[in-house]
Amino acid sequence: MSNNELASSAFDASQIVFDEHYVDSGTEGIKLYLRNKRRKDHKVLLAEKTIVMVHGATFSSGSLYDVPFNGMSFIDFLAHHGFDVFAVDVRGYGKSTRPPEMQAQPDLNPPLVSTDTGVTDFATAVEFVLRLRGLKAVNVFAMSWGGTVAGAYAARNADKVVKLALLAPQWLSDVPIPIDQGGSLGSYRLVPVKAALARWLGTAPEYARERLVPEGWFDLWSELTLSEETWQDDREQGKLRATNGPIQDIRTYWRAGTPYYQPSEIRAPVLLLHGEWDIDVPLDLARAYFEQLTGASYRRWVEIGEATHLALMESHRMQAYAEVVRFFDEAFKPE
């Protein structure tokens, strides 16, 4: 039995509470969706045991963090280990409200949902959790574009972040970034979800592709991901509407040599996770980002072998899961 199967077999979904919240965003007509999972016996509400998560530039928090591979998702794993886990969908993503411009043809409006908007929505989600649980701070987890959102939030709100864990956050790049396909940008783009597997596997060496994504996992992931697409025609064609604001910000900030925020201003302990075969955030970018975390009370870098940008959904996912739990759980303080 694999490590994944061992971990899943110990997980009892019946012991997990699943709540859903729709939160006012501060923009009329726009609601933010937060999923929450915790153990039924989770009674003591502590900042150190609460996590708020946000997704990347293309897929929602449900798509990235809550697909039950072998019966257990990343959020399930965190909840099983005693955490009260909240995951927000920024407007335009997942089960949050789509901006009205997403109903029009993409060339009729500029790129939607900038990083500024992402940070605002994430801050709204954190404030909701703080009020709901009567807390003053939370742990934060994010990946990719979400790493920018969460990193900027942590840099500007040191008193509200206990610890920060990031998987493959964005950083400055002097070479093209794969998610930006070039050309003019409309308000959103159509992502061919069903065709994503070939690109996903193509980022790994040929010898490892067969075992990177276990059988059935991609079908489960794509089914859940497409179920959140609100436009039926796109959904039936296997496509997802994803906003282009994050792509525009790649051009405005990361490819222009202008950081959106300064990682050195983050004061919380930071865990940086990175996959060996990540081509979206290559090794040199991860190293450069880690070197900028000079203000963190302590920092740790964990490299996940034989993993891509989507390490949380691959055969070695348990390495990343376990490192996040260990980091958030530990009472370690630097001398």
Protein backbone atom coordinates (compact mmCIF):
# COMPACT_ATOMS: atom_id res chain seq x y z
CA MET A 1 0.00 0.00 0.00
CA SER A 2 1.38 3.44 -0.96
CA ASN A 3 1.90 6.30 1.50
CA ASN A 4 -1.11 8.05 -0.06
CA GLU A 5 -3.31 5.01 0.52
CA LEU A 6 -2.05 4.63 4.08
CA ALA A 7 -2.87 8.25 4.86
CA SER A 8 -6.27 8.02 3.23
CA SER A 9 -7.18 4.81 4.99
CA ALA A 10 -6.65 6.51 8.37
CA PHE A 11 -8.95 9.37 7.39
CA ASP A 12 -12.61 9.23 8.40
CA ALA A 13 -14.68 11.72 6.38
CA SER A 14 -17.64 11.26 8.72
CA GLN A 15 -15.66 13.00 11.46
CA ILE A 16 -15.23 16.20 9.40
CA VAL A 17 -17.65 19.14 9.52
CA PHE A 18 -18.09 20.99 6.21
CA ASP A 19 -19.58 24.51 6.33
CA GLU A 20 -20.05 27.01 3.50
CA HIS A 21 -20.16 30.79 3.84
CA TYR A 22 -21.01 33.54 1.37
CA VAL A 23 -19.47 36.81 2.52
CA ASP A 24 -20.16 40.35 1.33
CA SER A 25 -17.13 41.52 -0.61
CA GLY A 26 -17.72 45.24 -0.19
CA THR A 27 -18.72 45.46 -3.86
CA GLU A 28 -22.44 45.49 -4.53
CA GLY A 29 -23.64 42.16 -5.93
CA ILE A 30 -20.35 40.34 -5.29
CA LYS A 31 -20.23 37.56 -2.69
CA LEU A 32 -17.11 35.64 -1.70
CA TYR A 33 -17.36 31.90 -1.10
CA LEU A 34 -15.50 30.34 1.82
CA ARG A 35 -15.43 26.62 2.47
CA ASN A 36 -14.62 25.51 6.02
CA LYS A 37 -13.64 22.09 7.30
CA ARG A 38 -12.77 20.98 10.81
CA ARG A 39 -13.08 17.90 13.00
CA LYS A 40 -16.35 17.36 14.82
CA ASP A 41 -14.43 17.35 18.09
CA HIS A 42 -12.70 20.66 17.29
CA LYS A 43 -13.85 22.80 20.21
CA VAL A 44 -10.98 25.09 21.23
CA LEU A 45 -10.62 28.03 18.83
CA LEU A 46 -6.99 29.09 18.58
CA ALA A 47 -5.16 31.32 16.10
CA GLU A 48 -2.40 28.69 15.86
CA LYS A 49 -4.94 26.04 14.79
CA THR A 50 -6.78 28.17 12.21
CA ILE A 51 -5.77 28.39 8.54
CA VAL A 52 -7.06 30.67 5.78
CA MET A 53 -6.13 29.67 2.23
CA VAL A 54 -6.31 31.27 -1.21
CA HIS A 55 -5.78 29.83 -4.70
CA GLY A 56 -3.72 30.66 -7.79
CA ALA A 57 -4.41 32.54 -11.02
CA THR A 58 -6.44 29.89 -12.85
CA PHE A 59 -8.21 27.42 -10.57
CA SER A 60 -10.30 27.89 -7.43
CA SER A 61 -9.53 26.82 -3.87
CA GLY A 62 -11.90 23.88 -4.27
CA SER A 63 -10.11 22.78 -7.44
CA LEU A 64 -6.62 23.06 -5.97
CA TYR A 65 -7.15 22.12 -2.33
CA ASP A 66 -10.35 20.13 -1.87
CA VAL A 67 -10.52 17.35 -4.48
CA PRO A 68 -10.75 14.07 -2.50
CA PHE A 69 -8.01 11.98 -4.11
CA ASN A 70 -8.22 8.48 -2.59
CA GLY A 71 -11.09 9.89 -0.55
CA MET A 72 -9.08 12.70 1.07
CA SER A 73 -8.23 16.24 -0.01
CA PHE A 74 -5.51 18.58 1.23
CA ILE A 75 -8.11 20.47 3.28
CA ASP A 76 -9.40 17.16 4.67
CA PHE A 77 -5.85 16.26 5.73
CA LEU A 78 -5.37 19.57 7.53
CA ALA A 79 -8.77 19.28 9.25
CA HIS A 80 -8.02 15.67 10.25
CA HIS A 81 -4.84 16.94 11.95
CA GLY A 82 -6.80 19.37 14.11
CA PHE A 83 -6.92 22.54 12.06
CA ASP A 84 -9.92 24.76 11.43
CA VAL A 85 -9.46 25.36 7.69
CA PHE A 86 -11.05 28.10 5.58
CA ALA A 87 -10.43 28.48 1.84
CA VAL A 88 -11.69 31.50 -0.08
CA ASP A 89 -12.47 31.90 -3.77
CA VAL A 90 -11.55 35.37 -4.99
CA ARG A 91 -14.34 36.98 -7.03
CA GLY A 92 -14.54 35.45 -10.50
CA TYR A 93 -13.31 32.08 -9.25
CA GLY A 94 -15.01 28.91 -8.03
CA LYS A 95 -18.27 29.53 -6.21
CA SER A 96 -17.74 33.26 -5.66
CA THR A 97 -19.71 35.75 -7.75
CA ARG A 98 -18.45 36.40 -11.27
CA PRO A 99 -18.00 40.09 -12.12
CA PRO A 100 -20.68 41.07 -14.65
CA GLU A 101 -18.01 41.72 -17.30
CA MET A 102 -17.40 37.96 -17.43
CA GLN A 103 -20.77 37.57 -19.15
CA ALA A 104 -19.56 39.64 -22.12
CA GLN A 105 -17.05 38.73 -24.80
CA PRO A 106 -13.54 39.04 -23.31
CA ASP A 107 -12.33 41.63 -25.81
CA LEU A 108 -14.95 44.13 -24.65
CA ASN A 109 -13.32 44.79 -21.26
CA PRO A 110 -9.81 45.07 -19.78
CA PRO A 111 -8.31 42.27 -17.66
CA LEU A 112 -10.44 41.48 -14.61
CA VAL A 113 -9.50 40.76 -10.99
CA SER A 114 -6.10 42.32 -10.44
CA THR A 115 -3.81 41.33 -7.60
CA ASP A 116 -5.07 44.41 -5.74
CA THR A 117 -8.56 42.91 -5.91
CA GLY A 118 -7.25 39.52 -4.81
CA VAL A 119 -5.60 41.05 -1.73
CA THR A 120 -8.79 42.96 -0.90
CA ASP A 121 -10.93 39.81 -1.18
CA PHE A 122 -8.47 37.78 0.87
CA ALA A 123 -8.43 40.46 3.56
CA THR A 124 -12.23 40.36 3.62
CA ALA A 125 -12.12 36.59 4.10
CA VAL A 126 -9.59 36.85 6.94
CA GLU A 127 -11.66 39.50 8.71
CA PHE A 128 -14.72 37.27 8.43
CA VAL A 129 -12.84 34.34 9.99
CA LEU A 130 -11.46 36.52 12.79
CA ARG A 131 -14.96 37.71 13.66
CA LEU A 132 -16.53 34.27 13.30
CA ARG A 133 -13.99 32.57 15.55
CA GLY A 134 -13.24 35.48 17.90
CA LEU A 135 -9.54 35.50 17.00
CA LYS A 136 -6.92 38.17 16.40
CA ALA A 137 -4.75 36.26 13.90
CA VAL A 138 -4.63 33.14 11.69
CA ASN A 139 -2.20 30.96 9.79
CA VAL A 140 -2.12 31.51 6.02
CA PHE A 141 -1.49 29.12 3.12
CA ALA A 142 -1.39 29.94 -0.59
CA MET A 143 0.22 28.92 -3.87
CA SER A 144 1.42 30.61 -7.07
CA TRP A 145 -0.52 33.89 -7.68
CA GLY A 146 -2.18 33.27 -4.33
CA GLY A 147 1.32 33.45 -2.86
CA THR A 148 1.50 37.05 -4.02
CA VAL A 149 -1.94 37.77 -2.57
CA ALA A 150 -1.11 36.13 0.76
CA GLY A 151 2.46 37.43 0.87
CA ALA A 152 1.35 41.00 0.28
CA TYR A 153 -1.36 40.59 2.92
CA ALA A 154 1.16 39.22 5.45
CA ALA A 155 3.61 42.03 4.71
CA ARG A 156 0.91 44.63 5.38
CA ASN A 157 -0.85 42.89 8.29
CA ALA A 158 1.86 41.42 10.50
CA ASP A 159 -0.40 41.39 13.56
CA LYS A 160 -2.97 39.14 11.85
CA VAL A 161 -0.67 36.38 10.55
CA VAL A 162 0.71 33.73 12.90
CA LYS A 163 2.62 31.79 10.23
CA LEU A 164 2.74 31.87 6.42
CA ALA A 165 3.19 28.80 4.21
CA LEU A 166 3.62 29.29 0.46
CA LEU A 167 3.89 26.83 -2.40
CA ALA A 168 5.74 28.22 -5.43
CA PRO A 169 4.98 31.94 -4.98
CA GLN A 170 5.57 34.35 -7.86
CA TRP A 171 8.78 36.34 -8.11
CA LEU A 172 10.70 38.45 -10.62
CA SER A 173 11.59 36.73 -13.88
CA ASP A 174 13.77 37.77 -16.81
CA VAL A 175 12.36 34.96 -18.98
CA PRO A 176 8.77 34.38 -20.16
CA ILE A 177 6.40 32.90 -17.57
CA PRO A 178 4.45 29.94 -19.02
CA ILE A 179 0.98 31.00 -17.87
CA ASP A 180 1.31 34.18 -19.98
CA GLN A 181 0.82 33.04 -23.56
CA GLY A 182 1.48 36.52 -24.95
CA GLY A 183 -0.72 38.72 -27.12
CA SER A 184 -3.42 41.14 -26.07
CA LEU A 185 -5.37 40.38 -22.92
CA GLY A 186 -9.14 40.51 -22.67
CA SER A 187 -11.10 40.45 -19.44
CA TYR A 188 -10.78 36.67 -19.12
CA ARG A 189 -9.45 33.62 -20.93
CA LEU A 190 -10.93 30.20 -21.69
CA VAL A 191 -8.88 27.42 -20.10
CA PRO A 192 -9.24 23.97 -21.74
CA VAL A 193 -9.47 21.91 -18.55
CA LYS A 194 -9.77 18.54 -20.29
CA ALA A 195 -6.56 19.26 -22.21
CA ALA A 196 -4.61 20.23 -19.08
CA LEU A 197 -3.22 16.76 -18.42
CA ALA A 198 -0.84 16.79 -21.37
CA ARG A 199 0.66 20.12 -20.30
CA TRP A 200 0.78 18.97 -16.68
CA LEU A 201 2.62 15.75 -17.47
CA GLY A 202 4.81 17.52 -19.99
CA THR A 203 6.50 19.49 -17.22
CA ALA A 204 7.96 16.29 -15.76
CA PRO A 205 10.72 14.10 -17.24
CA GLU A 206 9.38 11.46 -19.60
CA TYR A 207 10.40 8.55 -17.36
CA ALA A 208 8.19 9.81 -14.50
CA ARG A 209 5.06 10.91 -16.33
CA GLU A 210 3.20 7.64 -15.98
CA ARG A 211 3.35 7.73 -12.18
CA LEU A 212 3.08 11.51 -11.60
CA VAL A 213 -0.74 11.60 -11.53
CA PRO A 214 -2.28 8.31 -10.30
CA GLU A 215 -5.01 6.71 -12.38
CA GLY A 216 -8.40 8.38 -12.04
CA TRP A 217 -7.11 11.48 -10.27
CA PHE A 218 -7.16 13.76 -13.31
CA ASP A 219 -10.72 12.76 -14.21
CA LEU A 220 -11.86 13.45 -10.65
CA TRP A 221 -10.08 16.81 -10.61
CA SER A 222 -11.37 17.94 -14.00
CA GLU A 223 -14.94 16.93 -13.15
CA LEU A 224 -14.94 19.00 -9.94
CA THR A 225 -13.15 21.91 -11.59
CA LEU A 226 -15.63 22.11 -14.47
CA SER A 227 -18.62 21.70 -12.14
CA GLU A 228 -17.85 25.20 -10.83
CA GLU A 229 -18.04 26.81 -14.28
CA THR A 230 -21.29 28.79 -14.38
CA TRP A 231 -21.58 29.01 -18.19
CA GLN A 232 -23.07 25.76 -19.45
CA ASP A 233 -21.71 25.95 -22.99
CA ASP A 234 -18.16 26.42 -21.72
CA ARG A 235 -18.60 23.66 -19.16
CA GLU A 236 -19.88 21.21 -21.76
CA GLN A 237 -16.88 22.02 -23.97
CA GLY A 238 -14.54 21.32 -21.07
CA LYS A 239 -13.53 24.97 -20.65
CA LEU A 240 -13.26 27.30 -17.68
CA ARG A 241 -13.34 31.10 -17.63
CA ALA A 242 -10.33 32.47 -15.74
CA THR A 243 -9.73 36.17 -15.21
CA ASN A 244 -6.76 37.88 -16.83
CA GLY A 245 -5.92 40.42 -14.11
CA PRO A 246 -3.23 38.11 -12.68
CA ILE A 247 -1.70 37.72 -16.16
CA GLN A 248 -1.62 41.48 -16.66
CA ASP A 249 0.14 41.79 -13.31
CA ILE A 250 2.82 39.37 -14.47
CA ARG A 251 3.62 41.92 -17.16
CA THR A 252 3.24 44.94 -14.88
CA TYR A 253 5.30 43.59 -12.00
CA TRP A 254 7.12 40.27 -12.31
CA ARG A 255 8.44 40.56 -15.88
CA ALA A 256 9.07 44.31 -15.46
CA GLY A 257 11.44 43.84 -12.52
CA THR A 258 9.05 45.59 -10.12
CA PRO A 259 7.95 43.53 -7.11
CA TYR A 260 4.27 43.86 -6.21
CA TYR A 261 5.34 43.83 -2.56
CA GLN A 262 8.52 43.37 -0.56
CA PRO A 263 8.90 39.89 1.01
CA SER A 264 11.41 41.42 3.43
CA GLU A 265 8.47 43.14 5.14
CA ILE A 266 6.93 39.81 6.19
CA ARG A 267 7.50 39.28 9.92
CA ALA A 268 5.79 35.92 10.47
CA PRO A 269 7.66 32.61 10.18
CA VAL A 270 7.58 31.46 6.54
CA LEU A 271 7.60 28.00 4.98
CA LEU A 272 8.48 27.93 1.28
CA LEU A 273 7.50 24.75 -0.57
CA HIS A 274 8.71 24.07 -4.09
CA GLY A 275 8.46 21.17 -6.54
CA GLU A 276 11.60 19.90 -8.26
CA TRP A 277 9.96 19.99 -11.71
CA ASP A 278 8.07 23.28 -11.39
CA ILE A 279 8.50 25.21 -14.65
CA ASP A 280 6.04 27.97 -13.68
CA VAL A 281 8.21 28.99 -10.73
CA PRO A 282 11.65 27.56 -11.55
CA LEU A 283 14.26 26.79 -8.91
CA ASP A 284 16.18 30.04 -9.35
CA LEU A 285 13.00 32.08 -8.79
CA ALA A 286 12.20 30.14 -5.63
CA ARG A 287 15.75 30.72 -4.38
CA ALA A 288 15.58 34.42 -5.17
CA TYR A 289 12.27 34.72 -3.33
CA PHE A 290 13.58 32.83 -0.29
CA GLU A 291 16.58 35.15 -0.10
CA GLN A 292 14.23 38.13 0.13
CA LEU A 293 12.55 36.85 3.32
CA THR A 294 15.02 38.67 5.56
CA GLY A 295 12.37 40.04 7.94
CA ALA A 296 10.73 36.70 8.76
CA SER A 297 11.18 35.56 12.36
CA TYR A 298 12.43 32.35 10.79
CA ARG A 299 12.19 30.80 7.33
CA ARG A 300 12.37 27.30 5.92
CA TRP A 301 12.59 25.96 2.39
CA VAL A 302 11.40 22.44 1.58
CA GLU A 303 12.02 21.04 -1.89
CA ILE A 304 9.57 18.29 -2.91
CA GLY A 305 11.30 15.79 -5.18
CA GLU A 306 9.59 14.59 -8.36
CA ALA A 307 6.83 17.20 -8.13
CA THR A 308 5.59 19.98 -10.42
CA HIS A 309 3.73 23.25 -9.81
CA LEU A 310 0.70 21.12 -8.90
CA ALA A 311 2.51 19.16 -6.21
CA LEU A 312 -0.57 19.06 -3.96
CA MET A 313 -2.39 16.87 -6.49
CA GLU A 314 0.34 14.43 -7.42
CA SER A 315 1.67 11.08 -6.24
CA HIS A 316 4.09 12.70 -3.77
CA ARG A 317 1.48 15.07 -2.33
CA MET A 318 1.85 13.66 1.21
CA GLN A 319 5.32 15.15 1.49
CA ALA A 320 3.89 18.64 1.03
CA TYR A 321 0.86 17.93 3.23
CA ALA A 322 3.02 16.68 6.10
CA GLU A 323 5.44 19.62 5.89
CA VAL A 324 2.58 22.13 6.11
CA VAL A 325 1.12 20.39 9.17
CA ARG A 326 4.53 20.16 10.85
CA PHE A 327 5.24 23.84 10.23
CA PHE A 328 1.90 25.11 11.50
CA ASP A 329 1.92 22.71 14.47
CA GLU A 330 5.41 23.26 15.78
CA ALA A 331 6.12 25.43 18.81
CA PHE A 332 9.68 26.11 17.61
CA LYS A 333 11.04 29.59 18.25
CA PRO A 334 14.47 30.83 17.17
CA GLU A 335 16.93 31.52 19.98
